[in-house]
C-alpha cells in the first residue's frame, strides 16, 4: 500500500509531502521529500508487535530546527567531513562552508542535500512500492563545481527489505559521496540505549581518525582492539575503551571484506536480543560507518 499526504510547509514556503509505504510483511516506512528523508520505520518484533526503529521528529518544524542532527536524511553532496572545508580539483582550490569547525560536514550549509526539497515520484508494483526523489544542484551550490543531478530511490518490498539506490550525473568533475543518515534503535525509538544491541561487522580493518575527525590514511586491523566486531558483540561492551577518543565513542568507517568490487555484500548485522528484531545491511560500497550516537543532544 502507498499513501501520500501534506507534511507541512518549510520556512521558505515550499510544500513538503510525506509518503507512507506498507507491505505484506507488516512493515511500514514513512518518507518526506525535504532532504529525501526517512521519517520512521515500524517493524514487527518476534511476537508481531510493531515499534518505530528510527529516531526522528513528529513535525516539519522540528526537522527544520536546531535539534535536527541529520535524522534519517540523505546526506550530500558529500557525506562526512572535508578537512578545513577545502579540496583541490584540476589545479583549483575550492573553499566550502566550515559548518563543523574546522571542517565542512555533510555537504555544507543552507543548501546541503538534507535541507532542500526534492522532486518526488511514488510508484507501486506487485511486491514492492517506493518513492524516487530527484534534485538538481546548480553549478556552484555550496561552492561545489558542476551542476549535479541526483536521484535517491527508496523501495520497500514484501520481505521487509528497504533498498536505497543512488545515482548522480554532473556537468563538471566534482566530489560526490552520498549516504543515508538513519539512526536505528531496534527496541523502538525512545528506549534508553542501543548499547545492549549485538553488532557484527564484516570488516577486518577500520579507518582511524585524528583529533579533527579526519581519516589518517591508515587502515589497521581490528584484531585485539575495541573495533573488532567480526563476531556479534554488545555495542556497550568496550565503550569505555573508545570514549576518550576525539569521537567520544564509535564514529568510524569500517572497510568491508569484499570478494568482488561493486558486488552487493553484507556489511553489518544488528540484533536486539529482547525484541528479536534483526537489521542486516548490505551495500555495493567499500565501507560502512558505524556511529553510536555519541554527539546526540
C-alpha atoms as a PDB file:
ATOM      1  CA  UNK A   1       0.000   0.000   0.000  1.00  0.00           C
ATOM      2  CA  UNK A   2       1.183   3.524  -0.777  1.00  0.00           C
ATOM      3  CA  UNK A   3      -0.203   6.778   0.597  1.00  0.00           C
ATOM      4  CA  UNK A   4       0.885  10.406   0.475  1.00  0.00           C
ATOM      5  CA  UNK A   5      -0.173  13.476   2.451  1.00  0.00           C
ATOM      6  CA  UNK A   6       0.908  17.024   3.178  1.00  0.00           C
ATOM      7  CA  UNK A   7       3.569  17.202   5.878  1.00  0.00           C
ATOM      8  CA  UNK A   8       3.766  20.977   6.132  1.00  0.00           C
ATOM      9  CA  UNK A   9       5.390  23.998   4.532  1.00  0.00           C
ATOM     10  CA  UNK A  10       9.019  24.981   5.022  1.00  0.00           C
ATOM     11  CA  UNK A  11      10.044  28.336   6.399  1.00  0.00           C
ATOM     12  CA  UNK A  12      10.924  29.266   2.809  1.00  0.00           C
ATOM     13  CA  UNK A  13       7.371  28.487   1.693  1.00  0.00           C
ATOM     14  CA  UNK A  14       7.976  25.131  -0.019  1.00  0.00           C
ATOM     15  CA  UNK A  15       5.301  22.456   0.488  1.00  0.00           C
ATOM     16  CA  UNK A  16       6.551  19.123   1.822  1.00  0.00           C
ATOM     17  CA  UNK A  17       4.933  15.743   1.196  1.00  0.00           C
ATOM     18  CA  UNK A  18       5.087  12.624   3.360  1.00  0.00           C
ATOM     19  CA  UNK A  19       4.855   9.167   1.798  1.00  0.00           C
ATOM     20  CA  UNK A  20       3.800   6.002   3.644  1.00  0.00           C
ATOM     21  CA  UNK A  21       4.867   2.609   2.287  1.00  0.00           C
ATOM     22  CA  UNK A  22       3.325  -0.551   3.764  1.00  0.00           C
ATOM     23  CA  UNK A  23       4.000  -4.167   2.850  1.00  0.00           C
ATOM     24  CA  UNK A  24       2.573  -7.645   3.446  1.00  0.00           C
ATOM     25  CA  UNK A  25       5.314  -8.420   5.961  1.00  0.00           C
ATOM     26  CA  UNK A  26       3.892  -5.958   8.484  1.00  0.00           C
ATOM     27  CA  UNK A  27       6.422  -3.192   7.939  1.00  0.00           C
ATOM     28  CA  UNK A  28       5.606   0.492   7.343  1.00  0.00           C
ATOM     29  CA  UNK A  29       8.089   3.143   6.224  1.00  0.00           C
ATOM     30  CA  UNK A  30       7.423   6.897   6.054  1.00  0.00           C
ATOM     31  CA  UNK A  31       9.473   9.335   3.984  1.00  0.00           C
ATOM     32  CA  UNK A  32       9.384  13.019   3.134  1.00  0.00           C
ATOM     33  CA  UNK A  33      10.781  14.949   0.213  1.00  0.00           C
ATOM     34  CA  UNK A  34      12.608  17.521   2.338  1.00  0.00           C
ATOM     35  CA  UNK A  35      16.059  16.002   2.422  1.00  0.00           C
ATOM     36  CA  UNK A  36      14.780  12.747   0.843  1.00  0.00           C
ATOM     37  CA  UNK A  37      14.383  11.729   4.474  1.00  0.00           C
ATOM     38  CA  UNK A  38      13.332   8.540   6.273  1.00  0.00           C
ATOM     39  CA  UNK A  39      10.806   9.652   8.894  1.00  0.00           C
ATOM     40  CA  UNK A  40      10.019   6.318  10.515  1.00  0.00           C
ATOM     41  CA  UNK A  41      10.118   2.553  10.073  1.00  0.00           C
ATOM     42  CA  UNK A  42       7.644   0.440  12.015  1.00  0.00           C
ATOM     43  CA  UNK A  43       8.830  -3.162  12.175  1.00  0.00           C
ATOM     44  CA  UNK A  44       7.317  -6.194  13.970  1.00  0.00           C
ATOM     45  CA  UNK A  45       9.194  -7.971  16.748  1.00  0.00           C
ATOM     46  CA  UNK A  46       9.239 -11.744  17.263  1.00  0.00           C
ATOM     47  CA  UNK A  47       5.644 -11.555  18.545  1.00  0.00           C
ATOM     48  CA  UNK A  48       4.402  -9.288  15.761  1.00  0.00           C
ATOM     49  CA  UNK A  49       4.328  -6.154  17.924  1.00  0.00           C
ATOM     50  CA  UNK A  50       5.211  -3.039  15.935  1.00  0.00           C
ATOM     51  CA  UNK A  51       7.687  -0.367  17.007  1.00  0.00           C
ATOM     52  CA  UNK A  52       9.328   2.519  15.190  1.00  0.00           C
ATOM     53  CA  UNK A  53      13.038   1.618  14.957  1.00  0.00           C
ATOM     54  CA  UNK A  54      14.188   5.020  13.624  1.00  0.00           C
ATOM     55  CA  UNK A  55      14.877   8.170  15.624  1.00  0.00           C
ATOM     56  CA  UNK A  56      13.278  11.338  14.331  1.00  0.00           C
ATOM     57  CA  UNK A  57      10.664  14.028  14.886  1.00  0.00           C
ATOM     58  CA  UNK A  58       6.901  14.367  14.514  1.00  0.00           C
ATOM     59  CA  UNK A  59       6.753  17.734  12.751  1.00  0.00           C
ATOM     60  CA  UNK A  60       8.405  19.533   9.847  1.00  0.00           C
ATOM     61  CA  UNK A  61       9.231  22.463  12.126  1.00  0.00           C
ATOM     62  CA  UNK A  62      11.370  20.157  14.271  1.00  0.00           C
ATOM     63  CA  UNK A  63      13.205  18.870  11.210  1.00  0.00           C
ATOM     64  CA  UNK A  64      13.953  22.490  10.307  1.00  0.00           C
ATOM     65  CA  UNK A  65      15.044  23.287  13.862  1.00  0.00           C
ATOM     66  CA  UNK A  66      18.424  23.275  15.556  1.00  0.00           C
ATOM     67  CA  UNK A  67      17.828  19.913  17.235  1.00  0.00           C
ATOM     68  CA  UNK A  68      17.839  18.043  13.926  1.00  0.00           C
ATOM     69  CA  UNK A  69      21.176  16.247  13.778  1.00  0.00           C
ATOM     70  CA  UNK A  70      20.685  14.834  10.260  1.00  0.00           C
ATOM     71  CA  UNK A  71      17.954  12.408  11.357  1.00  0.00           C
ATOM     72  CA  UNK A  72      17.122   9.979   8.558  1.00  0.00           C
ATOM     73  CA  UNK A  73      18.140  12.300   5.729  1.00  0.00           C
ATOM     74  CA  UNK A  74      20.074  11.902   2.513  1.00  0.00           C
ATOM     75  CA  UNK A  75      23.488  13.492   3.014  1.00  0.00           C
ATOM     76  CA  UNK A  76      25.241  15.248   0.132  1.00  0.00           C
ATOM     77  CA  UNK A  77      26.850  16.429  -1.947  1.00  0.00           C
ATOM     78  CA  UNK A  78      29.484  14.956   0.340  1.00  0.00           C
ATOM     79  CA  UNK A  79      28.845  12.883   3.460  1.00  0.00           C
ATOM     80  CA  UNK A  80      31.216  13.094   6.434  1.00  0.00           C
ATOM     81  CA  UNK A  81      33.956  15.684   6.868  1.00  0.00           C
ATOM     82  CA  UNK A  82      36.250  17.529   4.465  1.00  0.00           C
ATOM     83  CA  UNK A  83      39.341  18.841   6.259  1.00  0.00           C
ATOM     84  CA  UNK A  84      39.370  22.622   6.688  1.00  0.00           C
ATOM     85  CA  UNK A  85      36.466  22.790   4.234  1.00  0.00           C
ATOM     86  CA  UNK A  86      38.863  22.721   1.271  1.00  0.00           C
ATOM     87  CA  UNK A  87      39.597  20.461  -1.658  1.00  0.00           C
ATOM     88  CA  UNK A  88      41.658  20.788  -4.827  1.00  0.00           C
ATOM     89  CA  UNK A  89      40.397  19.653  -8.222  1.00  0.00           C
ATOM     90  CA  UNK A  90      42.066  20.162 -11.619  1.00  0.00           C
ATOM     91  CA  UNK A  91      44.530  22.593 -10.101  1.00  0.00           C
ATOM     92  CA  UNK A  92      41.894  24.769  -8.440  1.00  0.00           C
ATOM     93  CA  UNK A  93      41.185  25.064  -4.715  1.00  0.00           C
ATOM     94  CA  UNK A  94      37.563  25.186  -3.562  1.00  0.00           C
ATOM     95  CA  UNK A  95      36.537  26.627  -0.194  1.00  0.00           C
ATOM     96  CA  UNK A  96      33.388  25.111   1.312  1.00  0.00           C
ATOM     97  CA  UNK A  97      31.279  26.198   4.254  1.00  0.00           C
ATOM     98  CA  UNK A  98      33.023  25.399   7.543  1.00  0.00           C
ATOM     99  CA  UNK A  99      29.889  24.301   9.390  1.00  0.00           C
ATOM    100  CA  UNK A 100      31.659  21.953  11.822  1.00  0.00           C
ATOM    101  CA  UNK A 101      34.880  23.834  12.643  1.00  0.00           C
ATOM    102  CA  UNK A 102      37.482  23.325  11.391  1.00  0.00           C
ATOM    103  CA  UNK A 103      35.780  21.154   8.760  1.00  0.00           C
ATOM    104  CA  UNK A 104      32.948  21.094   6.275  1.00  0.00           C
ATOM    105  CA  UNK A 105      30.388  18.490   7.317  1.00  0.00           C
ATOM    106  CA  UNK A 106      27.725  16.623   5.300  1.00  0.00           C
ATOM    107  CA  UNK A 107      27.587  18.913   2.281  1.00  0.00           C
ATOM    108  CA  UNK A 108      27.902  22.293   3.937  1.00  0.00           C
ATOM    109  CA  UNK A 109      25.409  24.940   4.976  1.00  0.00           C
ATOM    110  CA  UNK A 110      21.910  26.033   3.992  1.00  0.00           C
ATOM    111  CA  UNK A 111      21.789  24.154   0.660  1.00  0.00           C
ATOM    112  CA  UNK A 112      23.158  20.774   1.664  1.00  0.00           C
ATOM    113  CA  UNK A 113      21.010  17.891   0.409  1.00  0.00           C
ATOM    114  CA  UNK A 114      19.344  17.292   3.785  1.00  0.00           C
ATOM    115  CA  UNK A 115      17.810  20.783   3.787  1.00  0.00           C
ATOM    116  CA  UNK A 116      16.442  21.102   0.237  1.00  0.00           C
ATOM    117  CA  UNK A 117      13.082  19.901  -1.052  1.00  0.00           C
ATOM    118  CA  UNK A 118      13.409  17.168  -3.676  1.00  0.00           C
ATOM    119  CA  UNK A 119      11.019  16.332  -6.509  1.00  0.00           C
ATOM    120  CA  UNK A 120       9.273  13.031  -5.773  1.00  0.00           C
ATOM    121  CA  UNK A 121       7.506  10.319  -7.753  1.00  0.00           C
ATOM    122  CA  UNK A 122       5.828   7.475  -5.892  1.00  0.00           C
ATOM    123  CA  UNK A 123       5.398   4.062  -7.513  1.00  0.00           C
ATOM    124  CA  UNK A 124       3.734   0.771  -6.659  1.00  0.00           C
ATOM    125  CA  UNK A 125       4.302  -2.700  -8.115  1.00  0.00           C
ATOM    126  CA  UNK A 126       3.010  -6.156  -7.214  1.00  0.00           C
ATOM    127  CA  UNK A 127       5.578  -6.964  -4.494  1.00  0.00           C
ATOM    128  CA  UNK A 128       7.121  -3.564  -3.838  1.00  0.00           C
ATOM    129  CA  UNK A 129       6.413   0.128  -3.569  1.00  0.00           C
ATOM    130  CA  UNK A 130       8.599   3.194  -3.190  1.00  0.00           C
ATOM    131  CA  UNK A 131       9.489   6.786  -3.904  1.00  0.00           C
ATOM    132  CA  UNK A 132      12.019   8.177  -6.390  1.00  0.00           C
ATOM    133  CA  UNK A 133      13.459  11.507  -5.251  1.00  0.00           C
ATOM    134  CA  UNK A 134      15.329  13.852  -7.623  1.00  0.00           C
ATOM    135  CA  UNK A 135      17.247  17.063  -7.015  1.00  0.00           C
ATOM    136  CA  UNK A 136      19.243  19.265  -9.397  1.00  0.00           C
ATOM    137  CA  UNK A 137      22.022  21.075  -7.544  1.00  0.00           C
ATOM    138  CA  UNK A 138      23.149  24.121  -9.548  1.00  0.00           C
ATOM    139  CA  UNK A 139      26.772  24.693 -10.501  1.00  0.00           C
ATOM    140  CA  UNK A 140      28.431  26.429  -7.546  1.00  0.00           C
ATOM    141  CA  UNK A 141      25.844  25.465  -4.939  1.00  0.00           C
ATOM    142  CA  UNK A 142      27.664  25.231  -1.593  1.00  0.00           C
ATOM    143  CA  UNK A 143      30.681  26.138  -3.805  1.00  0.00           C
ATOM    144  CA  UNK A 144      30.878  22.681  -5.407  1.00  0.00           C
ATOM    145  CA  UNK A 145      31.650  22.731  -9.138  1.00  0.00           C
ATOM    146  CA  UNK A 146      29.262  21.427 -11.787  1.00  0.00           C
ATOM    147  CA  UNK A 147      25.504  21.085 -11.996  1.00  0.00           C
ATOM    148  CA  UNK A 148      24.727  17.803 -10.259  1.00  0.00           C
ATOM    149  CA  UNK A 149      21.542  15.842 -10.903  1.00  0.00           C
ATOM    150  CA  UNK A 150      20.985  13.420  -8.026  1.00  0.00           C
ATOM    151  CA  UNK A 151      18.398  10.701  -7.532  1.00  0.00           C
ATOM    152  CA  UNK A 152      17.628   8.597  -4.475  1.00  0.00           C
ATOM    153  CA  UNK A 153      15.121   5.765  -4.817  1.00  0.00           C
ATOM    154  CA  UNK A 154      13.660   4.038  -1.751  1.00  0.00           C
ATOM    155  CA  UNK A 155      11.947   0.684  -2.393  1.00  0.00           C
ATOM    156  CA  UNK A 156      10.168  -1.404   0.260  1.00  0.00           C
ATOM    157  CA  UNK A 157       9.381  -4.997  -0.686  1.00  0.00           C
ATOM    158  CA  UNK A 158       7.225  -7.675   0.944  1.00  0.00           C
ATOM    159  CA  UNK A 159      10.261  -9.342   2.568  1.00  0.00           C
ATOM    160  CA  UNK A 160      10.784  -6.344   4.893  1.00  0.00           C
ATOM    161  CA  UNK A 161      13.756  -5.156   2.852  1.00  0.00           C
ATOM    162  CA  UNK A 162      14.270  -1.460   2.232  1.00  0.00           C
ATOM    163  CA  UNK A 163      16.544  -0.749  -0.728  1.00  0.00           C
ATOM    164  CA  UNK A 164      18.180   2.634  -1.363  1.00  0.00           C
ATOM    165  CA  UNK A 165      19.634   3.351  -4.813  1.00  0.00           C
ATOM    166  CA  UNK A 166      21.732   6.423  -5.541  1.00  0.00           C
ATOM    167  CA  UNK A 167      22.641   7.895  -8.912  1.00  0.00           C
ATOM    168  CA  UNK A 168      24.259  11.159  -9.988  1.00  0.00           C
ATOM    169  CA  UNK A 169      25.314  12.876 -13.189  1.00  0.00           C
ATOM    170  CA  UNK A 170      27.316  16.079 -13.410  1.00  0.00           C
ATOM    171  CA  UNK A 171      28.314  18.706 -15.952  1.00  0.00           C
ATOM    172  CA  UNK A 172      31.834  19.001 -14.487  1.00  0.00           C
ATOM    173  CA  UNK A 173      34.147  16.901 -12.298  1.00  0.00           C
ATOM    174  CA  UNK A 174      33.031  17.206  -8.686  1.00  0.00           C
ATOM    175  CA  UNK A 175      33.321  15.228  -5.426  1.00  0.00           C
ATOM    176  CA  UNK A 176      30.247  13.091  -4.703  1.00  0.00           C
ATOM    177  CA  UNK A 177      29.672  10.917  -1.631  1.00  0.00           C
ATOM    178  CA  UNK A 178      26.041  10.186  -0.729  1.00  0.00           C
ATOM    179  CA  UNK A 179      24.824   8.430   2.403  1.00  0.00           C
ATOM    180  CA  UNK A 180      21.658   7.852   4.379  1.00  0.00           C
ATOM    181  CA  UNK A 181      21.812   9.142   7.951  1.00  0.00           C
ATOM    182  CA  UNK A 182      19.246   6.987   9.764  1.00  0.00           C
ATOM    183  CA  UNK A 183      19.664   6.352  13.491  1.00  0.00           C
ATOM    184  CA  UNK A 184      18.434   2.875  14.437  1.00  0.00           C
ATOM    185  CA  UNK A 185      17.167   1.596  17.785  1.00  0.00           C
ATOM    186  CA  UNK A 186      15.723  -1.881  17.235  1.00  0.00           C
ATOM    187  CA  UNK A 187      13.904  -1.891  20.565  1.00  0.00           C
ATOM    188  CA  UNK A 188      11.945   1.143  19.469  1.00  0.00           C
ATOM    189  CA  UNK A 189      12.573   4.871  19.329  1.00  0.00           C
ATOM    190  CA  UNK A 190      12.574   6.350  22.819  1.00  0.00           C
ATOM    191  CA  UNK A 191      14.040   3.366  24.655  1.00  0.00           C
ATOM    192  CA  UNK A 192      17.088   4.217  26.674  1.00  0.00           C
ATOM    193  CA  UNK A 193      20.080   2.772  24.823  1.00  0.00           C
ATOM    194  CA  UNK A 194      21.455   0.724  21.947  1.00  0.00           C
ATOM    195  CA  UNK A 195      24.424  -0.465  23.995  1.00  0.00           C
ATOM    196  CA  UNK A 196      22.682  -3.796  24.642  1.00  0.00           C
ATOM    197  CA  UNK A 197      22.306  -4.438  20.895  1.00  0.00           C
ATOM    198  CA  UNK A 198      24.607  -7.031  19.331  1.00  0.00           C
ATOM    199  CA  UNK A 199      26.603  -5.733  16.373  1.00  0.00           C
ATOM    200  CA  UNK A 200      28.533  -7.759  13.824  1.00  0.00           C
ATOM    201  CA  UNK A 201      30.586  -6.043  11.108  1.00  0.00           C
ATOM    202  CA  UNK A 202      32.020  -7.812   8.074  1.00  0.00           C
ATOM    203  CA  UNK A 203      35.263  -5.880   8.348  1.00  0.00           C
ATOM    204  CA  UNK A 204      38.843  -6.857   9.174  1.00  0.00           C
ATOM    205  CA  UNK A 205      40.085  -3.248   9.004  1.00  0.00           C
ATOM    206  CA  UNK A 206      38.862   0.192  10.010  1.00  0.00           C
ATOM    207  CA  UNK A 207      39.672   3.857   9.364  1.00  0.00           C
ATOM    208  CA  UNK A 208      41.197   5.729  12.330  1.00  0.00           C
ATOM    209  CA  UNK A 209      40.646   9.491  12.544  1.00  0.00           C
ATOM    210  CA  UNK A 210      42.673  12.324  14.028  1.00  0.00           C
ATOM    211  CA  UNK A 211      41.538  14.830  16.655  1.00  0.00           C
ATOM    212  CA  UNK A 212      39.623  16.763  13.960  1.00  0.00           C
ATOM    213  CA  UNK A 213      37.821  13.521  12.973  1.00  0.00           C
ATOM    214  CA  UNK A 214      39.618  13.354   9.603  1.00  0.00           C
ATOM    215  CA  UNK A 215      40.905   9.926   8.433  1.00  0.00           C
ATOM    216  CA  UNK A 216      44.629   9.469   8.987  1.00  0.00           C
ATOM    217  CA  UNK A 217      45.057   7.317   5.878  1.00  0.00           C
ATOM    218  CA  UNK A 218      45.855   4.197   7.879  1.00  0.00           C
ATOM    219  CA  UNK A 219      43.789   1.012   7.567  1.00  0.00           C
ATOM    220  CA  UNK A 220      44.814  -1.077  10.601  1.00  0.00           C
ATOM    221  CA  UNK A 221      43.443  -4.450  11.563  1.00  0.00           C
ATOM    222  CA  UNK A 222      40.575  -4.542  14.049  1.00  0.00           C
ATOM    223  CA  UNK A 223      42.158  -7.551  15.774  1.00  0.00           C
ATOM    224  CA  UNK A 224      42.807  -7.182  19.515  1.00  0.00           C
ATOM    225  CA  UNK A 225      41.071  -3.802  19.593  1.00  0.00           C
ATOM    226  CA  UNK A 226      37.687  -2.384  20.682  1.00  0.00           C
ATOM    227  CA  UNK A 227      36.889  -2.073  16.952  1.00  0.00           C
ATOM    228  CA  UNK A 228      36.693  -5.833  16.450  1.00  0.00           C
ATOM    229  CA  UNK A 229      33.054  -6.641  15.688  1.00  0.00           C
ATOM    230  CA  UNK A 230      33.754  -9.631  13.474  1.00  0.00           C
ATOM    231  CA  UNK A 231      31.693 -11.698  15.895  1.00  0.00           C
ATOM    232  CA  UNK A 232      28.398 -10.473  17.413  1.00  0.00           C
ATOM    233  CA  UNK A 233      29.400  -8.142  20.242  1.00  0.00           C
ATOM    234  CA  UNK A 234      27.452  -5.911  22.599  1.00  0.00           C
ATOM    235  CA  UNK A 235      27.909  -2.313  21.475  1.00  0.00           C
ATOM    236  CA  UNK A 236      28.480  -1.168  25.056  1.00  0.00           C
ATOM    237  CA  UNK A 237      30.881  -3.950  25.978  1.00  0.00           C
ATOM    238  CA  UNK A 238      34.070  -1.992  25.171  1.00  0.00           C
ATOM    239  CA  UNK A 239      32.665   1.529  25.048  1.00  0.00           C
ATOM    240  CA  UNK A 240      34.959   2.720  27.841  1.00  0.00           C
ATOM    241  CA  UNK A 241      37.962   1.909  25.652  1.00  0.00           C
ATOM    242  CA  UNK A 242      36.866   4.373  22.932  1.00  0.00           C
ATOM    243  CA  UNK A 243      35.094   7.057  24.996  1.00  0.00           C
ATOM    244  CA  UNK A 244      38.315   9.044  25.445  1.00  0.00           C
ATOM    245  CA  UNK A 245      38.886   9.341  21.671  1.00  0.00           C
ATOM    246  CA  UNK A 246      38.018  12.517  19.767  1.00  0.00           C
ATOM    247  CA  UNK A 247      34.898  10.700  18.540  1.00  0.00           C
ATOM    248  CA  UNK A 248      33.836  10.157  22.205  1.00  0.00           C
ATOM    249  CA  UNK A 249      32.806   6.643  21.183  1.00  0.00           C
ATOM    250  CA  UNK A 250      32.236   4.821  17.921  1.00  0.00           C
ATOM    251  CA  UNK A 251      32.096   7.027  14.832  1.00  0.00           C
ATOM    252  CA  UNK A 252      34.327   5.219  12.360  1.00  0.00           C
ATOM    253  CA  UNK A 253      34.357   3.798   8.881  1.00  0.00           C
ATOM    254  CA  UNK A 254      34.921   0.064   8.594  1.00  0.00           C
ATOM    255  CA  UNK A 255      36.448  -1.496   5.463  1.00  0.00           C
ATOM    256  CA  UNK A 256      34.057  -4.176   4.228  1.00  0.00           C
ATOM    257  CA  UNK A 257      35.527  -7.570   3.363  1.00  0.00           C
ATOM    258  CA  UNK A 258      34.673  -7.948  -0.317  1.00  0.00           C
ATOM    259  CA  UNK A 259      35.108 -10.831  -2.757  1.00  0.00           C
ATOM    260  CA  UNK A 260      34.488  -8.592  -5.776  1.00  0.00           C
ATOM    261  CA  UNK A 261      34.291  -4.845  -6.307  1.00  0.00           C
ATOM    262  CA  UNK A 262      30.760  -3.396  -6.681  1.00  0.00           C
ATOM    263  CA  UNK A 263      29.011  -6.650  -5.671  1.00  0.00           C
ATOM    264  CA  UNK A 264      26.219  -6.345  -3.106  1.00  0.00           C
ATOM    265  CA  UNK A 265      27.975  -7.517   0.072  1.00  0.00           C
ATOM    266  CA  UNK A 266      26.896  -7.963   3.689  1.00  0.00           C
ATOM    267  CA  UNK A 267      28.309  -5.095   5.756  1.00  0.00           C
ATOM    268  CA  UNK A 268      26.605  -5.320   9.143  1.00  0.00           C
ATOM    269  CA  UNK A 269      24.126  -7.265  11.263  1.00  0.00           C
ATOM    270  CA  UNK A 270      22.470  -5.640  14.268  1.00  0.00           C
ATOM    271  CA  UNK A 271      20.364  -7.656  16.718  1.00  0.00           C
ATOM    272  CA  UNK A 272      18.191  -6.676  19.657  1.00  0.00           C
ATOM    273  CA  UNK A 273      18.003  -9.831  21.811  1.00  0.00           C
ATOM    274  CA  UNK A 274      14.938  -8.578  23.729  1.00  0.00           C
ATOM    275  CA  UNK A 275      12.625  -7.868  20.780  1.00  0.00           C
ATOM    276  CA  UNK A 276      14.179 -10.339  18.365  1.00  0.00           C
ATOM    277  CA  UNK A 277      14.450  -7.688  15.654  1.00  0.00           C
ATOM    278  CA  UNK A 278      17.430  -8.065  13.339  1.00  0.00           C
ATOM    279  CA  UNK A 279      18.752  -5.474  10.885  1.00  0.00           C
ATOM    280  CA  UNK A 280      21.092  -6.602   8.116  1.00  0.00           C
ATOM    281  CA  UNK A 281      22.863  -4.043   5.939  1.00  0.00           C
ATOM    282  CA  UNK A 282      24.289  -4.895   2.529  1.00  0.00           C
ATOM    283  CA  UNK A 283      25.965  -2.472   0.155  1.00  0.00           C
ATOM    284  CA  UNK A 284      27.918  -2.165  -3.078  1.00  0.00           C
ATOM    285  CA  UNK A 285      30.185   0.427  -1.416  1.00  0.00           C
ATOM    286  CA  UNK A 286      33.640  -0.264   0.097  1.00  0.00           C
ATOM    287  CA  UNK A 287      32.893   0.929   3.619  1.00  0.00           C
ATOM    288  CA  UNK A 288      30.229   1.299   6.286  1.00  0.00           C
ATOM    289  CA  UNK A 289      30.136   3.975   9.001  1.00  0.00           C
ATOM    290  CA  UNK A 290      29.231   2.780  12.498  1.00  0.00           C
ATOM    291  CA  UNK A 291      28.078   5.677  14.672  1.00  0.00           C
ATOM    292  CA  UNK A 292      26.858   5.126  18.214  1.00  0.00           C
ATOM    293  CA  UNK A 293      25.045   8.449  18.651  1.00  0.00           C
ATOM    294  CA  UNK A 294      27.813   9.958  20.775  1.00  0.00           C
ATOM    295  CA  UNK A 295      27.090  13.597  19.875  1.00  0.00           C
ATOM    296  CA  UNK A 296      23.307  13.426  20.104  1.00  0.00           C
ATOM    297  CA  UNK A 297      21.698  16.070  22.301  1.00  0.00           C
END
